[in-house]
Amino acid sequence: MDNWNILLESRDDGLTVATVLEVPNLQTTDKTKQGAIEKVRELLHKRLAKAEIIQISVPKKTNGNSLMKFAGIFENDSDFQEIMSEIRAERENNS
């Protein structure tokens, strides 16, 4: 990853806090904004020198009660389409 999001916060004591949003426990402070950026860049570089970033997939776990398995089962059912048309017409008449 080449680009990182850094949160810069100015404290009441005049210091700037720089936090890497993707790594919240990677944080530093400095008297200047630029100094905080440089420090956090160095910390990130040191941390990544001994690490790697990978992506993993975690499938959604269903609890067995999911109704999504029924989604679209009436898509090509002409009887269902007719019933839905009647329901829509009735709703329009009652509006």
PDB file of N, CA and C in Angstrom:
ATOM      1  N   MET A   1       0.858  -1.172   0.000  1.00  0.00           N
ATOM      2  CA  MET A   1       0.000   0.000   0.000  1.00  0.00           C
ATOM      3  C   MET A   1       0.899   1.229   0.000  1.00  0.00           C
ATOM      4  N   ASP A   2       0.687   2.103  -0.953  1.00  0.00           N
ATOM      5  CA  ASP A   2       1.534   3.286  -1.081  1.00  0.00           C
ATOM      6  C   ASP A   2       0.984   4.512  -0.356  1.00  0.00           C
ATOM      7  N   ASN A   3      -0.313   4.615  -0.284  1.00  0.00           N
ATOM      8  CA  ASN A   3      -0.932   5.802   0.312  1.00  0.00           C
ATOM      9  C   ASN A   3      -1.637   5.439   1.612  1.00  0.00           C
ATOM     10  N   TRP A   4      -1.404   6.256   2.610  1.00  0.00           N
ATOM     11  CA  TRP A   4      -1.980   6.035   3.933  1.00  0.00           C
ATOM     12  C   TRP A   4      -2.738   7.282   4.350  1.00  0.00           C
ATOM     13  N   ASN A   5      -3.792   7.108   5.098  1.00  0.00           N
ATOM     14  CA  ASN A   5      -4.575   8.237   5.613  1.00  0.00           C
ATOM     15  C   ASN A   5      -4.072   8.584   7.005  1.00  0.00           C
ATOM     16  N   ILE A   6      -3.664   9.834   7.170  1.00  0.00           N
ATOM     17  CA  ILE A   6      -3.124  10.310   8.434  1.00  0.00           C
ATOM     18  C   ILE A   6      -4.070  11.366   9.005  1.00  0.00           C
ATOM     19  N   LEU A   7      -4.505  11.145  10.229  1.00  0.00           N
ATOM     20  CA  LEU A   7      -5.328  12.115  10.940  1.00  0.00           C
ATOM     21  C   LEU A   7      -4.392  13.049  11.691  1.00  0.00           C
ATOM     22  N   LEU A   8      -4.472  14.342  11.389  1.00  0.00           N
ATOM     23  CA  LEU A   8      -3.659  15.349  12.092  1.00  0.00           C
ATOM     24  C   LEU A   8      -4.566  16.136  13.022  1.00  0.00           C
ATOM     25  N   GLU A   9      -4.201  16.166  14.296  1.00  0.00           N
ATOM     26  CA  GLU A   9      -4.987  16.885  15.293  1.00  0.00           C
ATOM     27  C   GLU A   9      -4.111  17.887  16.027  1.00  0.00           C
ATOM     28  N   SER A  10      -4.615  19.099  16.137  1.00  0.00           N
ATOM     29  CA  SER A  10      -3.901  20.134  16.892  1.00  0.00           C
ATOM     30  C   SER A  10      -4.393  20.111  18.328  1.00  0.00           C
ATOM     31  N   ARG A  11      -3.461  19.938  19.259  1.00  0.00           N
ATOM     32  CA  ARG A  11      -3.824  19.908  20.671  1.00  0.00           C
ATOM     33  C   ARG A  11      -3.756  21.318  21.260  1.00  0.00           C
ATOM     34  N   ASP A  12      -4.387  21.497  22.400  1.00  0.00           N
ATOM     35  CA  ASP A  12      -4.390  22.792  23.081  1.00  0.00           C
ATOM     36  C   ASP A  12      -2.992  23.231  23.506  1.00  0.00           C
ATOM     37  N   ASP A  13      -2.095  22.284  23.732  1.00  0.00           N
ATOM     38  CA  ASP A  13      -0.738  22.632  24.149  1.00  0.00           C
ATOM     39  C   ASP A  13       0.167  22.989  22.973  1.00  0.00           C
ATOM     40  N   GLY A  14      -0.410  23.044  21.753  1.00  0.00           N
ATOM     41  CA  GLY A  14       0.346  23.445  20.577  1.00  0.00           C
ATOM     42  C   GLY A  14       0.973  22.302  19.794  1.00  0.00           C
ATOM     43  N   LEU A  15       0.918  21.109  20.322  1.00  0.00           N
ATOM     44  CA  LEU A  15       1.474  19.963  19.618  1.00  0.00           C
ATOM     45  C   LEU A  15       0.500  19.446  18.561  1.00  0.00           C
ATOM     46  N   THR A  16       1.042  18.775  17.566  1.00  0.00           N
ATOM     47  CA  THR A  16       0.226  18.128  16.544  1.00  0.00           C
ATOM     48  C   THR A  16       0.341  16.624  16.717  1.00  0.00           C
ATOM     49  N   VAL A  17      -0.790  15.946  16.749  1.00  0.00           N
ATOM     50  CA  VAL A  17      -0.835  14.495  16.852  1.00  0.00           C
ATOM     51  C   VAL A  17      -1.119  13.938  15.462  1.00  0.00           C
ATOM     52  N   ALA A  18      -0.302  12.984  15.027  1.00  0.00           N
ATOM     53  CA  ALA A  18      -0.499  12.319  13.743  1.00  0.00           C
ATOM     54  C   ALA A  18      -0.815  10.852  14.011  1.00  0.00           C
ATOM     55  N   THR A  19      -1.947  10.389  13.476  1.00  0.00           N
ATOM     56  CA  THR A  19      -2.379   9.010  13.653  1.00  0.00           C
ATOM     57  C   THR A  19      -2.622   8.383  12.293  1.00  0.00           C
ATOM     58  N   VAL A  20      -2.075   7.194  12.067  1.00  0.00           N
ATOM     59  CA  VAL A  20      -2.347   6.460  10.833  1.00  0.00           C
ATOM     60  C   VAL A  20      -3.713   5.796  11.007  1.00  0.00           C
ATOM     61  N   LEU A  21      -4.691   6.205  10.209  1.00  0.00           N
ATOM     62  CA  LEU A  21      -6.047   5.701  10.391  1.00  0.00           C
ATOM     63  C   LEU A  21      -6.160   4.199  10.142  1.00  0.00           C
ATOM     64  N   GLU A  22      -5.359   3.681   9.247  1.00  0.00           N
ATOM     65  CA  GLU A  22      -5.402   2.248   8.980  1.00  0.00           C
ATOM     66  C   GLU A  22      -4.708   1.429  10.070  1.00  0.00           C
ATOM     67  N   VAL A  23      -3.898   2.099  10.897  1.00  0.00           N
ATOM     68  CA  VAL A  23      -3.187   1.452  12.005  1.00  0.00           C
ATOM     69  C   VAL A  23      -3.336   2.372  13.219  1.00  0.00           C
ATOM     70  N   PRO A  24      -4.496   2.352  13.879  1.00  0.00           N
ATOM     71  CA  PRO A  24      -4.798   3.335  14.925  1.00  0.00           C
ATOM     72  C   PRO A  24      -3.792   3.412  16.066  1.00  0.00           C
ATOM     73  N   ASN A  25      -3.088   2.328  16.366  1.00  0.00           N
ATOM     74  CA  ASN A  25      -2.116   2.410  17.460  1.00  0.00           C
ATOM     75  C   ASN A  25      -0.776   2.967  16.996  1.00  0.00           C
ATOM     76  N   LEU A  26      -0.682   3.394  15.738  1.00  0.00           N
ATOM     77  CA  LEU A  26       0.533   4.025  15.234  1.00  0.00           C
ATOM     78  C   LEU A  26       0.295   5.539  15.252  1.00  0.00           C
ATOM     79  N   GLN A  27       0.874   6.171  16.253  1.00  0.00           N
ATOM     80  CA  GLN A  27       0.594   7.585  16.511  1.00  0.00           C
ATOM     81  C   GLN A  27       1.841   8.263  17.057  1.00  0.00           C
ATOM     82  N   THR A  28       1.991   9.549  16.735  1.00  0.00           N
ATOM     83  CA  THR A  28       3.120  10.318  17.262  1.00  0.00           C
ATOM     84  C   THR A  28       2.703  11.780  17.404  1.00  0.00           C
ATOM     85  N   THR A  29       3.533  12.550  18.110  1.00  0.00           N
ATOM     86  CA  THR A  29       3.280  13.984  18.269  1.00  0.00           C
ATOM     87  C   THR A  29       4.536  14.762  17.926  1.00  0.00           C
ATOM     88  N   ASP A  30       4.337  16.024  17.564  1.00  0.00           N
ATOM     89  CA  ASP A  30       5.466  16.907  17.282  1.00  0.00           C
ATOM     90  C   ASP A  30       4.998  18.349  17.453  1.00  0.00           C
ATOM     91  N   LYS A  31       5.961  19.253  17.520  1.00  0.00           N
ATOM     92  CA  LYS A  31       5.649  20.675  17.665  1.00  0.00           C
ATOM     93  C   LYS A  31       5.035  21.252  16.396  1.00  0.00           C
ATOM     94  N   THR A  32       5.342  20.642  15.235  1.00  0.00           N
ATOM     95  CA  THR A  32       4.812  21.148  13.967  1.00  0.00           C
ATOM     96  C   THR A  32       4.053  20.045  13.231  1.00  0.00           C
ATOM     97  N   LYS A  33       3.186  20.467  12.334  1.00  0.00           N
ATOM     98  CA  LYS A  33       2.434  19.518  11.526  1.00  0.00           C
ATOM     99  C   LYS A  33       3.381  18.699  10.648  1.00  0.00           C
ATOM    100  N   GLN A  34       4.311  19.383  10.000  1.00  0.00           N
ATOM    101  CA  GLN A  34       5.256  18.689   9.117  1.00  0.00           C
ATOM    102  C   GLN A  34       6.126  17.709   9.905  1.00  0.00           C
ATOM    103  N   GLY A  35       6.528  18.119  11.110  1.00  0.00           N
ATOM    104  CA  GLY A  35       7.327  17.224  11.952  1.00  0.00           C
ATOM    105  C   GLY A  35       6.555  15.967  12.337  1.00  0.00           C
ATOM    106  N   ALA A  36       5.272  16.130  12.656  1.00  0.00           N
ATOM    107  CA  ALA A  36       4.435  14.983  13.012  1.00  0.00           C
ATOM    108  C   ALA A  36       4.273  14.050  11.817  1.00  0.00           C
ATOM    109  N   ILE A  37       4.124  14.634  10.630  1.00  0.00           N
ATOM    110  CA  ILE A  37       3.992  13.821   9.418  1.00  0.00           C
ATOM    111  C   ILE A  37       5.260  13.014   9.175  1.00  0.00           C
ATOM    112  N   GLU A  38       6.403  13.667   9.309  1.00  0.00           N
ATOM    113  CA  GLU A  38       7.672  12.964   9.093  1.00  0.00           C
ATOM    114  C   GLU A  38       7.873  11.845  10.122  1.00  0.00           C
ATOM    115  N   LYS A  39       7.550  12.134  11.383  1.00  0.00           N
ATOM    116  CA  LYS A  39       7.705  11.119  12.428  1.00  0.00           C
ATOM    117  C   LYS A  39       6.802   9.914  12.173  1.00  0.00           C
ATOM    118  N   VAL A  40       5.556  10.169  11.796  1.00  0.00           N
ATOM    119  CA  VAL A  40       4.626   9.064  11.576  1.00  0.00           C
ATOM    120  C   VAL A  40       5.039   8.276  10.327  1.00  0.00           C
ATOM    121  N   ARG A  41       5.610   8.965   9.348  1.00  0.00           N
ATOM    122  CA  ARG A  41       6.119   8.277   8.148  1.00  0.00           C
ATOM    123  C   ARG A  41       7.255   7.321   8.540  1.00  0.00           C
ATOM    124  N   GLU A  42       8.164   7.792   9.399  1.00  0.00           N
ATOM    125  CA  GLU A  42       9.279   6.953   9.857  1.00  0.00           C
ATOM    126  C   GLU A  42       8.775   5.753  10.662  1.00  0.00           C
ATOM    127  N   LEU A  43       7.824   5.989  11.559  1.00  0.00           N
ATOM    128  CA  LEU A  43       7.263   4.898  12.354  1.00  0.00           C
ATOM    129  C   LEU A  43       6.594   3.849  11.468  1.00  0.00           C
ATOM    130  N   LEU A  44       5.858   4.311  10.478  1.00  0.00           N
ATOM    131  CA  LEU A  44       5.177   3.399   9.566  1.00  0.00           C
ATOM    132  C   LEU A  44       6.189   2.597   8.753  1.00  0.00           C
ATOM    133  N   HIS A  45       7.222   3.269   8.297  1.00  0.00           N
ATOM    134  CA  HIS A  45       8.273   2.586   7.520  1.00  0.00           C
ATOM    135  C   HIS A  45       8.940   1.495   8.361  1.00  0.00           C
ATOM    136  N   LYS A  46       9.264   1.813   9.621  1.00  0.00           N
ATOM    137  CA  LYS A  46       9.888   0.826  10.509  1.00  0.00           C
ATOM    138  C   LYS A  46       8.957  -0.354  10.765  1.00  0.00           C
ATOM    139  N   ARG A  47       7.691  -0.052  10.981  1.00  0.00           N
ATOM    140  CA  ARG A  47       6.723  -1.120  11.266  1.00  0.00           C
ATOM    141  C   ARG A  47       6.542  -2.036  10.067  1.00  0.00           C
ATOM    142  N   LEU A  48       6.484  -1.456   8.884  1.00  0.00           N
ATOM    143  CA  LEU A  48       6.251  -2.244   7.674  1.00  0.00           C
ATOM    144  C   LEU A  48       7.483  -3.007   7.216  1.00  0.00           C
ATOM    145  N   ALA A  49       8.658  -2.626   7.697  1.00  0.00           N
ATOM    146  CA  ALA A  49       9.881  -3.315   7.312  1.00  0.00           C
ATOM    147  C   ALA A  49       9.862  -4.774   7.762  1.00  0.00           C
ATOM    148  N   LYS A  50       9.127  -5.065   8.825  1.00  0.00           N
ATOM    149  CA  LYS A  50       9.061  -6.425   9.363  1.00  0.00           C
ATOM    150  C   LYS A  50       7.663  -7.017   9.242  1.00  0.00           C
ATOM    151  N   ALA A  51       6.863  -6.460   8.355  1.00  0.00           N
ATOM    152  CA  ALA A  51       5.478  -6.908   8.235  1.00  0.00           C
ATOM    153  C   ALA A  51       5.072  -6.995   6.775  1.00  0.00           C
ATOM    154  N   GLU A  52       3.933  -7.583   6.552  1.00  0.00           N
ATOM    155  CA  GLU A  52       3.355  -7.588   5.217  1.00  0.00           C
ATOM    156  C   GLU A  52       1.855  -7.357   5.342  1.00  0.00           C
ATOM    157  N   ILE A  53       1.288  -6.808   4.300  1.00  0.00           N
ATOM    158  CA  ILE A  53      -0.139  -6.546   4.272  1.00  0.00           C
ATOM    159  C   ILE A  53      -0.762  -7.523   3.286  1.00  0.00           C
ATOM    160  N   ILE A  54      -1.740  -8.271   3.755  1.00  0.00           N
ATOM    161  CA  ILE A  54      -2.443  -9.206   2.890  1.00  0.00           C
ATOM    162  C   ILE A  54      -3.937  -8.962   3.029  1.00  0.00           C
ATOM    163  N   GLN A  55      -4.704  -9.463   2.089  1.00  0.00           N
ATOM    164  CA  GLN A  55      -6.154  -9.413   2.179  1.00  0.00           C
ATOM    165  C   GLN A  55      -6.668 -10.832   2.317  1.00  0.00           C
ATOM    166  N   ILE A  56      -7.663 -11.001   3.165  1.00  0.00           N
ATOM    167  CA  ILE A  56      -8.297 -12.300   3.298  1.00  0.00           C
ATOM    168  C   ILE A  56      -9.790 -12.136   3.074  1.00  0.00           C
ATOM    169  N   SER A  57     -10.431 -13.211   2.719  1.00  0.00           N
ATOM    170  CA  SER A  57     -11.864 -13.212   2.503  1.00  0.00           C
ATOM    171  C   SER A  57     -12.529 -13.938   3.667  1.00  0.00           C
ATOM    172  N   VAL A  58     -13.550 -13.330   4.225  1.00  0.00           N
ATOM    173  CA  VAL A  58     -14.311 -13.967   5.287  1.00  0.00           C
ATOM    174  C   VAL A  58     -15.769 -14.012   4.823  1.00  0.00           C
ATOM    175  N   PRO A  59     -16.233 -15.183   4.404  1.00  0.00           N
ATOM    176  CA  PRO A  59     -17.610 -15.275   3.921  1.00  0.00           C
ATOM    177  C   PRO A  59     -18.601 -14.946   5.026  1.00  0.00           C
ATOM    178  N   LYS A  60     -19.686 -14.328   4.616  1.00  0.00           N
ATOM    179  CA  LYS A  60     -20.735 -14.027   5.582  1.00  0.00           C
ATOM    180  C   LYS A  60     -21.320 -15.319   6.104  1.00  0.00           C
ATOM    181  N   LYS A  61     -21.469 -15.376   7.384  1.00  0.00           N
ATOM    182  CA  LYS A  61     -22.058 -16.558   7.993  1.00  0.00           C
ATOM    183  C   LYS A  61     -23.549 -16.302   8.176  1.00  0.00           C
ATOM    184  N   THR A  62     -24.351 -17.189   7.638  1.00  0.00           N
ATOM    185  CA  THR A  62     -25.798 -17.052   7.824  1.00  0.00           C
ATOM    186  C   THR A  62     -26.213 -17.918   8.996  1.00  0.00           C
ATOM    187  N   ASN A  63     -27.237 -17.481   9.676  1.00  0.00           N
ATOM    188  CA  ASN A  63     -27.681 -18.216  10.860  1.00  0.00           C
ATOM    189  C   ASN A  63     -28.710 -19.290  10.514  1.00  0.00           C
ATOM    190  N   GLY A  64     -28.877 -19.579   9.251  1.00  0.00           N
ATOM    191  CA  GLY A  64     -29.822 -20.605   8.855  1.00  0.00           C
ATOM    192  C   GLY A  64     -31.232 -20.085   8.675  1.00  0.00           C
ATOM    193  N   ASN A  65     -31.513 -18.879   9.132  1.00  0.00           N
ATOM    194  CA  ASN A  65     -32.845 -18.306   9.001  1.00  0.00           C
ATOM    195  C   ASN A  65     -32.919 -17.296   7.864  1.00  0.00           C
ATOM    196  N   SER A  66     -31.872 -17.212   7.084  1.00  0.00           N
ATOM    197  CA  SER A  66     -31.813 -16.222   6.020  1.00  0.00           C
ATOM    198  C   SER A  66     -32.853 -16.520   4.949  1.00  0.00           C
ATOM    199  N   LEU A  67     -33.576 -15.507   4.558  1.00  0.00           N
ATOM    200  CA  LEU A  67     -34.573 -15.643   3.492  1.00  0.00           C
ATOM    201  C   LEU A  67     -33.986 -15.333   2.128  1.00  0.00           C
ATOM    202  N   MET A  68     -32.704 -14.930   2.100  1.00  0.00           N
ATOM    203  CA  MET A  68     -32.085 -14.571   0.831  1.00  0.00           C
ATOM    204  C   MET A  68     -32.031 -15.742  -0.148  1.00  0.00           C
ATOM    205  N   LYS A  69     -32.049 -16.955   0.337  1.00  0.00           N
ATOM    206  CA  LYS A  69     -32.021 -18.101  -0.573  1.00  0.00           C
ATOM    207  C   LYS A  69     -33.291 -18.172  -1.420  1.00  0.00           C
ATOM    208  N   PHE A  70     -34.330 -17.445  -1.000  1.00  0.00           N
ATOM    209  CA  PHE A  70     -35.581 -17.432  -1.760  1.00  0.00           C
ATOM    210  C   PHE A  70     -35.698 -16.239  -2.702  1.00  0.00           C
ATOM    211  N   ALA A  71     -34.747 -15.332  -2.642  1.00  0.00           N
ATOM    212  CA  ALA A  71     -34.806 -14.129  -3.479  1.00  0.00           C
ATOM    213  C   ALA A  71     -34.830 -14.502  -4.954  1.00  0.00           C
ATOM    214  N   GLY A  72     -35.791 -13.985  -5.669  1.00  0.00           N
ATOM    215  CA  GLY A  72     -35.868 -14.170  -7.116  1.00  0.00           C
ATOM    216  C   GLY A  72     -36.485 -15.478  -7.571  1.00  0.00           C
ATOM    217  N   ILE A  73     -37.019 -16.295  -6.660  1.00  0.00           N
ATOM    218  CA  ILE A  73     -37.531 -17.593  -7.100  1.00  0.00           C
ATOM    219  C   ILE A  73     -38.787 -17.475  -7.958  1.00  0.00           C
ATOM    220  N   PHE A  74     -39.480 -16.328  -7.881  1.00  0.00           N
ATOM    221  CA  PHE A  74     -40.692 -16.149  -8.684  1.00  0.00           C
ATOM    222  C   PHE A  74     -40.452 -15.263  -9.905  1.00  0.00           C
ATOM    223  N   GLU A  75     -39.194 -15.016 -10.229  1.00  0.00           N
ATOM    224  CA  GLU A  75     -38.844 -14.094 -11.300  1.00  0.00           C
ATOM    225  C   GLU A  75     -39.522 -14.434 -12.631  1.00  0.00           C
ATOM    226  N   ASN A  76     -39.588 -15.671 -13.000  1.00  0.00           N
ATOM    227  CA  ASN A  76     -40.171 -16.067 -14.285  1.00  0.00           C
ATOM    228  C   ASN A  76     -41.517 -16.774 -14.130  1.00  0.00           C
ATOM    229  N   ASP A  77     -42.160 -16.595 -13.002  1.00  0.00           N
ATOM    230  CA  ASP A  77     -43.452 -17.236 -12.730  1.00  0.00           C
ATOM    231  C   ASP A  77     -44.573 -16.302 -13.178  1.00  0.00           C
ATOM    232  N   SER A  78     -45.276 -16.673 -14.250  1.00  0.00           N
ATOM    233  CA  SER A  78     -46.330 -15.800 -14.807  1.00  0.00           C
ATOM    234  C   SER A  78     -47.488 -15.623 -13.833  1.00  0.00           C
ATOM    235  N   ASP A  79     -47.807 -16.652 -13.053  1.00  0.00           N
ATOM    236  CA  ASP A  79     -48.888 -16.523 -12.072  1.00  0.00           C
ATOM    237  C   ASP A  79     -48.528 -15.485 -11.007  1.00  0.00           C
ATOM    238  N   PHE A  80     -47.300 -15.518 -10.552  1.00  0.00           N
ATOM    239  CA  PHE A  80     -46.859 -14.553  -9.549  1.00  0.00           C
ATOM    240  C   PHE A  80     -46.895 -13.137 -10.112  1.00  0.00           C
ATOM    241  N   GLN A  81     -46.446 -12.978 -11.354  1.00  0.00           N
ATOM    242  CA  GLN A  81     -46.461 -11.660 -11.988  1.00  0.00           C
ATOM    243  C   GLN A  81     -47.882 -11.138 -12.092  1.00  0.00           C
ATOM    244  N   GLU A  82     -48.820 -12.013 -12.413  1.00  0.00           N
ATOM    245  CA  GLU A  82     -50.232 -11.617 -12.513  1.00  0.00           C
ATOM    246  C   GLU A  82     -50.767 -11.171 -11.159  1.00  0.00           C
ATOM    247  N   ILE A  83     -50.451 -11.929 -10.124  1.00  0.00           N
ATOM    248  CA  ILE A  83     -50.890 -11.567  -8.770  1.00  0.00           C
ATOM    249  C   ILE A  83     -50.313 -10.214  -8.375  1.00  0.00           C
ATOM    250  N   MET A  84     -49.032  -9.994  -8.663  1.00  0.00           N
ATOM    251  CA  MET A  84     -48.405  -8.711  -8.321  1.00  0.00           C
ATOM    252  C   MET A  84     -49.051  -7.563  -9.082  1.00  0.00           C
ATOM    253  N   SER A  85     -49.426  -7.787 -10.327  1.00  0.00           N
ATOM    254  CA  SER A  85     -50.105  -6.748 -11.117  1.00  0.00           C
ATOM    255  C   SER A  85     -51.447  -6.402 -10.495  1.00  0.00           C
ATOM    256  N   GLU A  86     -52.174  -7.407 -10.049  1.00  0.00           N
ATOM    257  CA  GLU A  86     -53.468  -7.172  -9.395  1.00  0.00           C
ATOM    258  C   GLU A  86     -53.294  -6.400  -8.090  1.00  0.00           C
ATOM    259  N   ILE A  87     -52.279  -6.738  -7.328  1.00  0.00           N
ATOM    260  CA  ILE A  87     -52.012  -6.031  -6.070  1.00  0.00           C
ATOM    261  C   ILE A  87     -51.670  -4.568  -6.354  1.00  0.00           C
ATOM    262  N   ARG A  88     -50.836  -4.323  -7.356  1.00  0.00           N
ATOM    263  CA  ARG A  88     -50.473  -2.934  -7.705  1.00  0.00           C
ATOM    264  C   ARG A  88     -51.700  -2.150  -8.140  1.00  0.00           C
ATOM    265  N   ALA A  89     -52.558  -2.768  -8.957  1.00  0.00           N
ATOM    266  CA  ALA A  89     -53.770  -2.096  -9.436  1.00  0.00           C
ATOM    267  C   ALA A  89     -54.689  -1.771  -8.271  1.00  0.00           C
ATOM    268  N   GLU A  90     -54.827  -2.695  -7.352  1.00  0.00           N
ATOM    269  CA  GLU A  90     -55.682  -2.455  -6.182  1.00  0.00           C
ATOM    270  C   GLU A  90     -55.126  -1.326  -5.333  1.00  0.00           C
ATOM    271  N   ARG A  91     -53.829  -1.285  -5.159  1.00  0.00           N
ATOM    272  CA  ARG A  91     -53.208  -0.206  -4.375  1.00  0.00           C
ATOM    273  C   ARG A  91     -53.428   1.155  -5.042  1.00  0.00           C
ATOM    274  N   GLU A  92     -53.291   1.182  -6.360  1.00  0.00           N
ATOM    275  CA  GLU A  92     -53.506   2.444  -7.084  1.00  0.00           C
ATOM    276  C   GLU A  92     -54.956   2.903  -6.961  1.00  0.00           C
ATOM    277  N   ASN A  93     -55.905   1.994  -6.983  1.00  0.00           N
ATOM    278  CA  ASN A  93     -57.326   2.332  -6.858  1.00  0.00           C
ATOM    279  C   ASN A  93     -57.653   2.830  -5.456  1.00  0.00           C
ATOM    280  N   ASN A  94     -56.922   2.351  -4.451  1.00  0.00           N
ATOM    281  CA  ASN A  94     -57.187   2.748  -3.063  1.00  0.00           C
ATOM    282  C   ASN A  94     -56.425   4.003  -2.648  1.00  0.00           C
ATOM    283  N   SER A  95     -55.589   4.508  -3.529  1.00  0.00           N
ATOM    284  CA  SER A  95     -54.790   5.694  -3.182  1.00  0.00           C
ATOM    285  C   SER A  95     -55.594   6.965  -3.331  1.00  0.00           C
TER     286      SER A  95
END
